[in-house]
Amino acid sequence: MSPRTKPRWETASQRRHIIREHRVVDGVGWVLTGCGSLAEQSRYDLRMVDPPTCPVCRMLHPST
């Protein structure tokens, strides 16, 4: 488990989320999002162009 870093926008689960923490479990990359989800970050997420923004992350972190 990695330490928490400054929250920033990244793509996970095919949406833009505020990412609060990166984790690796059994070789799989997971992220803890600003809306409380634990999501896997896939190769598809890294290639997405202009994914939709998570409405809950936007509401909870308006200034980020």
N, C-alpha and C. Protein backbone atom coordinates (compact mmCIF):
# COMPACT_ATOMS: atom_id res chain seq x y z
N MET A 1 0.85 -1.17 0.00
CA MET A 1 0.00 0.00 0.00
C MET A 1 0.89 1.23 0.00
N SER A 2 0.57 2.16 -0.84
CA SER A 2 1.36 3.39 -0.90
C SER A 2 0.73 4.46 -0.03
N PRO A 3 1.51 5.41 0.40
CA PRO A 3 0.95 6.49 1.21
C PRO A 3 0.02 7.36 0.38
N ARG A 4 -0.86 8.01 1.06
CA ARG A 4 -1.78 8.93 0.37
C ARG A 4 -1.01 10.12 -0.16
N THR A 5 -1.41 10.56 -1.31
CA THR A 5 -0.78 11.72 -1.94
C THR A 5 -1.82 12.81 -2.11
N LYS A 6 -1.39 13.93 -2.64
CA LYS A 6 -2.33 15.01 -2.90
C LYS A 6 -3.36 14.52 -3.92
N PRO A 7 -4.66 14.66 -3.63
CA PRO A 7 -5.69 14.18 -4.56
C PRO A 7 -5.55 14.84 -5.93
N ARG A 8 -5.71 14.04 -6.99
CA ARG A 8 -5.66 14.57 -8.35
C ARG A 8 -6.62 13.77 -9.23
N TRP A 9 -7.00 14.35 -10.35
CA TRP A 9 -7.93 13.70 -11.27
C TRP A 9 -7.18 12.69 -12.14
N GLU A 10 -7.71 11.45 -12.17
CA GLU A 10 -7.20 10.39 -13.04
C GLU A 10 -8.38 9.54 -13.48
N THR A 11 -8.14 8.72 -14.48
CA THR A 11 -9.20 7.83 -14.97
C THR A 11 -9.10 6.47 -14.31
N ALA A 12 -10.24 5.99 -13.80
CA ALA A 12 -10.36 4.66 -13.21
C ALA A 12 -11.81 4.22 -13.40
N SER A 13 -12.03 2.96 -13.72
CA SER A 13 -13.37 2.43 -13.96
C SER A 13 -14.11 3.23 -15.03
N GLN A 14 -13.38 3.67 -16.03
CA GLN A 14 -13.90 4.36 -17.20
C GLN A 14 -14.56 5.70 -16.87
N ARG A 15 -14.12 6.34 -15.79
CA ARG A 15 -14.56 7.69 -15.43
C ARG A 15 -13.38 8.45 -14.84
N ARG A 16 -13.45 9.78 -14.89
CA ARG A 16 -12.45 10.59 -14.21
C ARG A 16 -12.85 10.69 -12.75
N HIS A 17 -11.94 10.31 -11.87
CA HIS A 17 -12.16 10.35 -10.43
C HIS A 17 -11.04 11.14 -9.76
N ILE A 18 -11.32 11.64 -8.57
CA ILE A 18 -10.25 12.13 -7.70
C ILE A 18 -9.60 10.88 -7.12
N ILE A 19 -8.29 10.75 -7.29
CA ILE A 19 -7.57 9.58 -6.78
C ILE A 19 -6.86 9.99 -5.50
N ARG A 20 -7.19 9.30 -4.41
CA ARG A 20 -6.60 9.62 -3.11
C ARG A 20 -5.44 8.71 -2.75
N GLU A 21 -5.44 7.48 -3.29
CA GLU A 21 -4.40 6.53 -2.92
C GLU A 21 -4.26 5.46 -4.00
N HIS A 22 -3.03 5.05 -4.27
CA HIS A 22 -2.75 3.94 -5.18
C HIS A 22 -2.37 2.72 -4.36
N ARG A 23 -2.88 1.55 -4.74
CA ARG A 23 -2.55 0.31 -4.05
C ARG A 23 -2.22 -0.76 -5.08
N VAL A 24 -1.36 -1.69 -4.71
CA VAL A 24 -1.08 -2.86 -5.55
C VAL A 24 -1.34 -4.09 -4.69
N VAL A 25 -2.27 -4.94 -5.14
CA VAL A 25 -2.61 -6.16 -4.42
C VAL A 25 -2.43 -7.32 -5.39
N ASP A 26 -1.53 -8.23 -5.07
CA ASP A 26 -1.24 -9.40 -5.92
C ASP A 26 -0.93 -8.99 -7.36
N GLY A 27 -0.19 -7.91 -7.53
CA GLY A 27 0.22 -7.47 -8.85
C GLY A 27 -0.82 -6.68 -9.63
N VAL A 28 -1.96 -6.41 -9.02
CA VAL A 28 -3.03 -5.66 -9.69
C VAL A 28 -3.09 -4.26 -9.09
N GLY A 29 -3.12 -3.24 -9.94
CA GLY A 29 -3.19 -1.86 -9.47
C GLY A 29 -4.61 -1.44 -9.14
N TRP A 30 -4.80 -0.92 -7.95
CA TRP A 30 -6.10 -0.42 -7.50
C TRP A 30 -5.93 1.02 -7.05
N VAL A 31 -7.02 1.78 -7.09
CA VAL A 31 -6.99 3.16 -6.62
C VAL A 31 -8.17 3.39 -5.68
N LEU A 32 -7.95 4.19 -4.66
CA LEU A 32 -9.02 4.62 -3.77
C LEU A 32 -9.47 5.98 -4.27
N THR A 33 -10.73 6.07 -4.66
CA THR A 33 -11.23 7.30 -5.27
C THR A 33 -11.81 8.25 -4.23
N GLY A 34 -12.01 9.48 -4.64
CA GLY A 34 -12.57 10.50 -3.76
C GLY A 34 -14.01 10.22 -3.36
N CYS A 35 -14.71 9.40 -4.14
CA CYS A 35 -16.10 9.07 -3.82
C CYS A 35 -16.20 7.81 -2.97
N GLY A 36 -15.04 7.23 -2.63
CA GLY A 36 -15.02 6.08 -1.73
C GLY A 36 -14.93 4.73 -2.40
N SER A 37 -14.84 4.69 -3.72
CA SER A 37 -14.74 3.41 -4.42
C SER A 37 -13.30 2.91 -4.44
N LEU A 38 -13.15 1.61 -4.41
CA LEU A 38 -11.85 0.98 -4.62
C LEU A 38 -11.94 0.38 -6.02
N ALA A 39 -11.26 1.00 -6.98
CA ALA A 39 -11.42 0.64 -8.39
C ALA A 39 -10.11 0.16 -8.98
N GLU A 40 -10.22 -0.77 -9.92
CA GLU A 40 -9.05 -1.25 -10.65
C GLU A 40 -8.77 -0.30 -11.80
N GLN A 41 -7.51 0.03 -11.98
CA GLN A 41 -7.12 0.90 -13.09
C GLN A 41 -6.64 0.01 -14.22
N SER A 42 -7.38 -0.02 -15.32
CA SER A 42 -7.05 -0.92 -16.43
C SER A 42 -6.28 -0.20 -17.53
N ARG A 43 -5.79 -0.98 -18.48
CA ARG A 43 -5.10 -0.39 -19.63
C ARG A 43 -6.05 0.48 -20.44
N TYR A 44 -7.30 0.04 -20.52
CA TYR A 44 -8.29 0.82 -21.26
C TYR A 44 -8.47 2.21 -20.63
N ASP A 45 -8.48 2.28 -19.30
CA ASP A 45 -8.61 3.57 -18.62
C ASP A 45 -7.49 4.52 -19.01
N LEU A 46 -6.29 3.98 -19.14
CA LEU A 46 -5.13 4.82 -19.46
C LEU A 46 -5.18 5.35 -20.89
N ARG A 47 -5.93 4.68 -21.78
CA ARG A 47 -6.02 5.11 -23.17
C ARG A 47 -7.25 5.95 -23.47
N MET A 48 -8.18 6.06 -22.54
CA MET A 48 -9.43 6.79 -22.81
C MET A 48 -9.16 8.26 -23.08
N VAL A 49 -9.90 8.79 -24.04
CA VAL A 49 -9.82 10.21 -24.38
C VAL A 49 -11.10 10.87 -23.88
N ASP A 50 -10.95 11.84 -23.00
CA ASP A 50 -12.07 12.60 -22.46
C ASP A 50 -13.18 11.73 -21.85
N PRO A 51 -12.85 10.93 -20.81
CA PRO A 51 -13.88 10.12 -20.16
C PRO A 51 -14.83 10.99 -19.35
N PRO A 52 -16.04 10.50 -19.07
CA PRO A 52 -16.98 11.28 -18.25
C PRO A 52 -16.44 11.43 -16.82
N THR A 53 -16.82 12.51 -16.18
CA THR A 53 -16.38 12.80 -14.81
C THR A 53 -17.36 12.21 -13.81
N CYS A 54 -16.83 11.63 -12.75
CA CYS A 54 -17.66 11.08 -11.68
C CYS A 54 -18.40 12.23 -11.00
N PRO A 55 -19.73 12.22 -10.98
CA PRO A 55 -20.47 13.33 -10.38
C PRO A 55 -20.26 13.45 -8.87
N VAL A 56 -20.04 12.33 -8.20
CA VAL A 56 -19.84 12.37 -6.74
C VAL A 56 -18.48 12.98 -6.41
N CYS A 57 -17.44 12.61 -7.16
CA CYS A 57 -16.12 13.22 -6.94
C CYS A 57 -16.18 14.71 -7.22
N ARG A 58 -16.88 15.11 -8.28
CA ARG A 58 -17.00 16.53 -8.62
C ARG A 58 -17.69 17.30 -7.50
N MET A 59 -18.73 16.70 -6.91
CA MET A 59 -19.48 17.35 -5.84
C MET A 59 -18.65 17.44 -4.55
N LEU A 60 -17.92 16.37 -4.22
CA LEU A 60 -17.15 16.33 -2.97
C LEU A 60 -15.84 17.10 -3.04
N HIS A 61 -15.30 17.30 -4.25
CA HIS A 61 -14.01 17.97 -4.43
C HIS A 61 -14.13 19.05 -5.51
N PRO A 62 -14.94 20.08 -5.31
CA PRO A 62 -15.17 21.07 -6.37
C PRO A 62 -13.95 21.92 -6.70
N SER A 63 -13.05 22.12 -5.77
CA SER A 63 -11.92 23.03 -6.01
C SER A 63 -10.69 22.32 -6.56
N THR A 64 -10.74 21.01 -6.71
CA THR A 64 -9.58 20.26 -7.18
C THR A 64 -9.60 20.12 -8.67
